[in-house]
Amino acid sequence: MASNKIARINDDIQFCLSRLLRDVKDPRVQQGMISVTRVETTGDLRYAKVWISCMGMENEKEFKKGLKSASGWLRRELGSAVNLRYTPELVFEIDHSIEYGAHINNLISSLEIESEE
């Protein structure tokens, strides 16, 4: 039963952060199309690991620095949007799965496959 509650909280955090990341004014964060792919919260709701994918990211190191500097504002806004006893501390990780999927899609579409007609 507790895992269902954590899963619902993870979904709420993912939804709120996806909306809030559009409003971050730091140019290091606004490098491309950003999506929150997954959120994992610890059982005591103190920490939340957030996986973020960004299509068109120029500099991954600067992107992570921008996210870290905006994490205080994001945490405050998240606390007002999601009613929890403790607002989790946000830990950001970069997820390359969307870029990898786009790369594989380009490889598949570039293949010359002869049809048997």
Protein backbone atom coordinates (compact mmCIF):
# COMPACT_ATOMS: atom_id res chain seq x y z
CA MET A 1 0.00 0.00 0.00
CA ALA A 2 2.84 2.38 0.79
CA SER A 3 4.35 1.82 -2.65
CA ASN A 4 1.13 3.06 -4.25
CA LYS A 5 1.35 6.24 -2.23
CA ILE A 6 5.00 6.76 -3.23
CA ALA A 7 4.11 6.10 -6.88
CA ARG A 8 1.34 8.72 -6.76
CA ILE A 9 3.68 11.22 -5.11
CA ASN A 10 6.33 10.50 -7.77
CA ASP A 11 3.78 11.17 -10.50
CA ASP A 12 2.67 14.42 -8.84
CA ILE A 13 6.25 15.62 -8.48
CA GLN A 14 7.01 14.71 -12.10
CA PHE A 15 3.96 16.61 -13.35
CA CYS A 16 4.68 19.71 -11.24
CA LEU A 17 8.37 19.81 -12.13
CA SER A 18 7.64 19.47 -15.83
CA ARG A 19 5.48 22.59 -15.58
CA LEU A 20 7.92 24.48 -13.35
CA LEU A 21 10.98 23.84 -15.52
CA ARG A 22 9.42 25.95 -18.28
CA ASP A 23 9.47 28.97 -15.95
CA VAL A 24 13.13 28.75 -14.89
CA LYS A 25 14.83 31.90 -16.10
CA ASP A 26 18.40 30.55 -15.97
CA PRO A 27 19.75 30.41 -19.57
CA ARG A 28 21.85 27.37 -18.65
CA VAL A 29 18.65 25.39 -18.12
CA GLN A 30 16.78 26.64 -21.20
CA GLN A 31 19.02 24.88 -23.73
CA GLY A 32 16.46 22.81 -25.58
CA MET A 33 13.33 20.73 -25.16
CA ILE A 34 13.27 19.54 -21.54
CA SER A 35 11.23 16.63 -20.22
CA VAL A 36 11.12 14.96 -16.83
CA THR A 37 11.33 11.25 -17.60
CA ARG A 38 11.20 9.73 -14.11
CA VAL A 39 11.10 10.61 -10.41
CA GLU A 40 12.07 8.30 -7.55
CA THR A 41 11.38 9.44 -4.00
CA THR A 42 12.86 7.80 -0.93
CA GLY A 43 10.51 6.13 1.53
CA ASP A 44 10.79 8.94 4.08
CA LEU A 45 10.09 11.57 1.36
CA ARG A 46 13.29 13.48 2.14
CA TYR A 47 15.00 13.08 -1.24
CA ALA A 48 13.71 12.82 -4.78
CA LYS A 49 15.93 11.76 -7.66
CA VAL A 50 14.70 13.42 -10.85
CA TRP A 51 15.76 12.19 -14.28
CA ILE A 52 15.67 14.91 -16.92
CA SER A 53 16.13 14.55 -20.65
CA CYS A 54 16.97 17.50 -22.85
CA MET A 55 16.93 17.40 -26.64
CA GLY A 56 19.40 19.87 -28.09
CA MET A 57 21.55 20.23 -24.96
CA GLU A 58 24.75 22.10 -25.75
CA ASN A 59 26.69 21.69 -22.51
CA GLU A 60 25.70 18.99 -20.01
CA LYS A 61 27.92 20.32 -17.23
CA GLU A 62 26.44 23.83 -17.42
CA PHE A 63 22.93 22.35 -17.64
CA LYS A 64 23.45 20.45 -14.37
CA LYS A 65 24.90 23.56 -12.70
CA GLY A 66 21.83 25.55 -13.77
CA LEU A 67 19.51 22.87 -12.40
CA LYS A 68 21.39 22.81 -9.12
CA SER A 69 21.19 26.58 -8.76
CA ALA A 70 17.46 26.54 -9.54
CA SER A 71 16.73 23.63 -7.21
CA GLY A 72 15.91 25.87 -4.25
CA TRP A 73 13.27 27.78 -6.20
CA LEU A 74 11.93 24.54 -7.70
CA ARG A 75 11.70 22.96 -4.25
CA ARG A 76 9.83 25.95 -2.82
CA GLU A 77 7.35 26.00 -5.70
CA LEU A 78 6.95 22.24 -5.49
CA GLY A 79 6.20 22.52 -1.78
CA SER A 80 3.38 24.95 -2.45
CA ALA A 81 1.97 22.83 -5.30
CA VAL A 82 2.17 19.39 -3.66
CA ASN A 83 0.88 19.18 -0.12
CA LEU A 84 3.39 17.00 1.74
CA ARG A 85 4.75 17.07 5.27
CA TYR A 86 8.30 17.31 3.91
CA THR A 87 9.18 18.74 0.53
CA PRO A 88 11.89 16.43 -0.82
CA GLU A 89 15.33 17.70 -1.70
CA LEU A 90 15.77 17.43 -5.45
CA VAL A 91 18.70 15.52 -6.93
CA PHE A 92 18.94 15.83 -10.72
CA GLU A 93 20.29 13.20 -13.10
CA ILE A 94 20.61 13.48 -16.88
CA ASP A 95 18.72 10.86 -18.87
CA HIS A 96 19.97 10.27 -22.41
CA SER A 97 17.22 7.83 -23.43
CA ILE A 98 15.26 10.24 -25.66
CA GLU A 99 18.38 11.29 -27.57
CA TYR A 100 19.38 7.64 -27.92
CA GLY A 101 15.91 6.74 -29.22
CA ALA A 102 16.04 9.57 -31.76
CA HIS A 103 19.48 8.39 -32.90
CA ILE A 104 18.25 4.81 -33.35
CA ASN A 105 15.18 6.08 -35.23
CA ASN A 106 17.45 8.04 -37.61
CA LEU A 107 19.60 4.95 -38.17
CA ILE A 108 16.57 2.81 -38.97
CA SER A 109 15.07 5.38 -41.33
CA SER A 110 18.39 5.74 -43.16
CA LEU A 111 18.55 2.03 -44.01
CA GLU A 112 17.83 1.09 -47.58
CA ILE A 113 15.61 -1.95 -47.37
CA GLU A 114 14.41 -3.55 -50.60
CA SER A 115 10.83 -4.73 -50.55
CA GLU A 116 9.82 -8.03 -52.11
CA GLU A 117 6.99 -7.14 -54.47
